[in-house]
C-alpha atoms as a PDB file:
ATOM      1  CA  VAL A   1      -1.393 -17.073   9.610  1.00  0.00           C
ATOM      2  CA  GLN A   2      -3.573 -15.052   7.262  1.00  0.00           C
ATOM      3  CA  LEU A   3      -3.151 -11.398   6.339  1.00  0.00           C
ATOM      4  CA  GLN A   4      -6.268  -9.495   5.264  1.00  0.00           C
ATOM      5  CA  ALA A   5      -5.621  -6.183   3.526  1.00  0.00           C
ATOM      6  CA  SER A   6      -8.207  -3.482   2.985  1.00  0.00           C
ATOM      7  CA  GLY A   7      -8.557   0.202   2.210  1.00  0.00           C
ATOM      8  CA  GLY A   8      -7.586   0.418  -1.436  1.00  0.00           C
ATOM      9  CA  GLY A   9      -9.589   2.345  -3.992  1.00  0.00           C
ATOM     10  CA  LEU A  10      -9.645   5.108  -6.560  1.00  0.00           C
ATOM     11  CA  VAL A  11      -8.390   8.557  -5.607  1.00  0.00           C
ATOM     12  CA  GLN A  12      -7.365  11.705  -7.438  1.00  0.00           C
ATOM     13  CA  ALA A  13      -3.756  12.849  -7.505  1.00  0.00           C
ATOM     14  CA  GLY A  14      -2.925  14.721  -4.344  1.00  0.00           C
ATOM     15  CA  GLY A  15      -5.416  12.735  -2.314  1.00  0.00           C
ATOM     16  CA  SER A  16      -4.969  10.277   0.539  1.00  0.00           C
ATOM     17  CA  LEU A  17      -5.784   6.690   1.348  1.00  0.00           C
ATOM     18  CA  ARG A  18      -5.189   4.510   4.394  1.00  0.00           C
ATOM     19  CA  LEU A  19      -4.514   0.817   3.985  1.00  0.00           C
ATOM     20  CA  SER A  20      -4.928  -1.706   6.783  1.00  0.00           C
ATOM     21  CA  CYS A  21      -3.727  -5.271   7.100  1.00  0.00           C
ATOM     22  CA  ALA A  22      -4.786  -7.532   9.947  1.00  0.00           C
ATOM     23  CA  ALA A  23      -3.076 -10.778  10.874  1.00  0.00           C
ATOM     24  CA  SER A  24      -5.028 -13.722  12.213  1.00  0.00           C
ATOM     25  CA  GLY A  25      -4.285 -17.335  13.060  1.00  0.00           C
ATOM     26  CA  ASN A  26      -1.902 -19.180  15.349  1.00  0.00           C
ATOM     27  CA  PHE A  27       1.403 -17.481  16.042  1.00  0.00           C
ATOM     28  CA  ALA A  28       3.537 -16.552  19.000  1.00  0.00           C
ATOM     29  CA  SER A  29       4.595 -13.144  17.739  1.00  0.00           C
ATOM     30  CA  ILE A  30       5.013 -11.056  14.626  1.00  0.00           C
ATOM     31  CA  ASN A  31       8.303  -9.396  13.840  1.00  0.00           C
ATOM     32  CA  ASN A  32       8.514  -7.136  10.774  1.00  0.00           C
ATOM     33  CA  MET A  33       5.337  -6.087   9.019  1.00  0.00           C
ATOM     34  CA  ASN A  34       5.827  -4.716   5.537  1.00  0.00           C
ATOM     35  CA  TRP A  35       4.024  -3.173   2.598  1.00  0.00           C
ATOM     36  CA  TYR A  36       5.020  -3.951  -0.985  1.00  0.00           C
ATOM     37  CA  ARG A  37       3.463  -2.851  -4.241  1.00  0.00           C
ATOM     38  CA  GLN A  38       3.432  -4.079  -7.802  1.00  0.00           C
ATOM     39  CA  ALA A  39       2.445  -1.959 -10.770  1.00  0.00           C
ATOM     40  CA  PRO A  40       1.488  -3.536 -14.118  1.00  0.00           C
ATOM     41  CA  GLY A  41       4.575  -4.718 -15.976  1.00  0.00           C
ATOM     42  CA  LYS A  42       6.884  -3.927 -13.056  1.00  0.00           C
ATOM     43  CA  GLN A  43       8.571  -5.911 -10.343  1.00  0.00           C
ATOM     44  CA  ARG A  44       7.201  -5.946  -6.833  1.00  0.00           C
ATOM     45  CA  GLU A  45       8.915  -3.267  -4.746  1.00  0.00           C
ATOM     46  CA  LEU A  46       9.225  -2.651  -1.038  1.00  0.00           C
ATOM     47  CA  VAL A  47       7.233   0.376   0.124  1.00  0.00           C
ATOM     48  CA  ALA A  48       7.696   0.405   3.896  1.00  0.00           C
ATOM     49  CA  VAL A  49       8.834  -1.727   6.816  1.00  0.00           C
ATOM     50  CA  ILE A  50       8.013  -1.548  10.507  1.00  0.00           C
ATOM     51  CA  THR A  51       9.616  -3.700  13.182  1.00  0.00           C
ATOM     52  CA  SER A  52       7.906  -5.022  16.281  1.00  0.00           C
ATOM     53  CA  GLY A  53       9.537  -2.192  18.196  1.00  0.00           C
ATOM     54  CA  GLY A  54       8.217   0.456  15.844  1.00  0.00           C
ATOM     55  CA  SER A  55      11.316   1.277  13.803  1.00  0.00           C
ATOM     56  CA  THR A  56      10.449   2.181  10.238  1.00  0.00           C
ATOM     57  CA  ASN A  57      12.056   2.335   6.824  1.00  0.00           C
ATOM     58  CA  TYR A  58      10.684   3.534   3.486  1.00  0.00           C
ATOM     59  CA  GLY A  59      11.334   3.193  -0.195  1.00  0.00           C
ATOM     60  CA  ASP A  60      12.829   6.327  -1.715  1.00  0.00           C
ATOM     61  CA  SER A  61       9.786   6.987  -3.889  1.00  0.00           C
ATOM     62  CA  VAL A  62       7.410   7.294  -0.917  1.00  0.00           C
ATOM     63  CA  LYS A  63       9.562   8.968   1.731  1.00  0.00           C
ATOM     64  CA  GLY A  64       7.851  11.997   3.204  1.00  0.00           C
ATOM     65  CA  ARG A  65       4.450  11.011   1.779  1.00  0.00           C
ATOM     66  CA  PHE A  66       3.660   7.595   3.270  1.00  0.00           C
ATOM     67  CA  THR A  67       3.632   6.589   6.935  1.00  0.00           C
ATOM     68  CA  ILE A  68       3.621   3.024   8.206  1.00  0.00           C
ATOM     69  CA  SER A  69       2.353   2.219  11.689  1.00  0.00           C
ATOM     70  CA  ARG A  70       1.131  -0.789  13.619  1.00  0.00           C
ATOM     71  CA  ASP A  71      -1.118  -1.742  16.502  1.00  0.00           C
ATOM     72  CA  ASN A  72       0.468  -4.773  18.134  1.00  0.00           C
ATOM     73  CA  ALA A  73      -2.591  -5.435  20.281  1.00  0.00           C
ATOM     74  CA  LYS A  74      -4.660  -5.792  17.104  1.00  0.00           C
ATOM     75  CA  ASN A  75      -1.898  -7.442  15.029  1.00  0.00           C
ATOM     76  CA  THR A  76      -2.590  -4.814  12.405  1.00  0.00           C
ATOM     77  CA  VAL A  77      -0.327  -2.711  10.219  1.00  0.00           C
ATOM     78  CA  TYR A  78      -1.409   0.511   8.519  1.00  0.00           C
ATOM     79  CA  LEU A  79      -0.118   2.532   5.593  1.00  0.00           C
ATOM     80  CA  GLN A  80      -1.186   6.163   5.469  1.00  0.00           C
ATOM     81  CA  MET A  81      -0.618   7.435   1.946  1.00  0.00           C
ATOM     82  CA  ASN A  82      -0.716  11.191   1.358  1.00  0.00           C
ATOM     83  CA  SER A  83       0.019  13.354  -1.674  1.00  0.00           C
ATOM     84  CA  LEU A  84      -0.688  10.409  -3.920  1.00  0.00           C
ATOM     85  CA  LYS A  85       0.637  10.437  -7.467  1.00  0.00           C
ATOM     86  CA  PRO A  86      -0.467   8.473 -10.539  1.00  0.00           C
ATOM     87  CA  GLU A  87       2.784   6.510 -10.324  1.00  0.00           C
ATOM     88  CA  ASP A  88       1.624   5.161  -6.951  1.00  0.00           C
ATOM     89  CA  THR A  89      -1.003   3.143  -8.817  1.00  0.00           C
ATOM     90  CA  ALA A  90      -0.377  -0.515  -8.017  1.00  0.00           C
ATOM     91  CA  VAL A  91      -1.610  -3.530  -6.125  1.00  0.00           C
ATOM     92  CA  TYR A  92      -0.410  -3.148  -2.540  1.00  0.00           C
ATOM     93  CA  TYR A  93       0.490  -6.266  -0.580  1.00  0.00           C
ATOM     94  CA  CYS A  94       1.140  -6.663   3.109  1.00  0.00           C
ATOM     95  CA  ASN A  95       3.757  -9.101   4.309  1.00  0.00           C
ATOM     96  CA  ALA A  96       4.834 -10.291   7.725  1.00  0.00           C
ATOM     97  CA  ASP A  97       7.441 -12.368   9.499  1.00  0.00           C
ATOM     98  CA  TYR A  98       5.970 -14.385  12.327  1.00  0.00           C
ATOM     99  CA  ILE A  99       6.976 -17.203  14.644  1.00  0.00           C
ATOM    100  CA  SER A 100       4.897 -20.241  15.484  1.00  0.00           C
ATOM    101  CA  ASP A 101       6.927 -23.465  15.505  1.00  0.00           C
ATOM    102  CA  SER A 102       9.655 -21.571  13.639  1.00  0.00           C
ATOM    103  CA  TRP A 103      10.000 -18.335  11.664  1.00  0.00           C
ATOM    104  CA  HIS A 104       7.720 -17.938   8.657  1.00  0.00           C
ATOM    105  CA  ASN A 105       6.905 -15.261   6.116  1.00  0.00           C
ATOM    106  CA  THR A 106       3.428 -14.730   4.705  1.00  0.00           C
ATOM    107  CA  TRP A 107       1.645 -12.476   2.210  1.00  0.00           C
ATOM    108  CA  GLY A 108      -1.779 -10.901   2.108  1.00  0.00           C
ATOM    109  CA  GLN A 109      -4.030 -10.990  -0.946  1.00  0.00           C
ATOM    110  CA  GLY A 110      -3.341  -7.461  -2.187  1.00  0.00           C
ATOM    111  CA  THR A 111      -5.506  -4.383  -2.500  1.00  0.00           C
ATOM    112  CA  GLN A 112      -5.716  -2.174  -5.589  1.00  0.00           C
ATOM    113  CA  VAL A 113      -4.798   1.508  -5.346  1.00  0.00           C
ATOM    114  CA  THR A 114      -5.517   3.642  -8.402  1.00  0.00           C
ATOM    115  CA  VAL A 115      -4.521   7.301  -8.559  1.00  0.00           C
ATOM    116  CA  SER A 116      -6.022   9.337 -11.371  1.00  0.00           C
ATOM    117  CA  SER A 117      -4.342  12.434 -12.783  1.00  0.00           C
END
């Protein structure tokens, strides 16, 4: 299974961006789809999680500003990011749990988000 992320870019503080991540390949189903981010010199942190049933959870730093959603028919997860801050600058990675012969976890290639002040 491959995850292809897109939608990153440069935006001013207070602006918005929408990230997408599409899964492709051979799998029976996808369970959780997640967004992580990693800023320079920092550990990778969990941004948001969405289950196959649509339940969501967010990191404290993005609650109320970011919204995760998914389109199961398209095997795609989205991250709508509003009220962006310079501290949101990071490489954003999508991640998914899927089942083929057994459960697996896979990562996308990352997309850069830069928020200028």
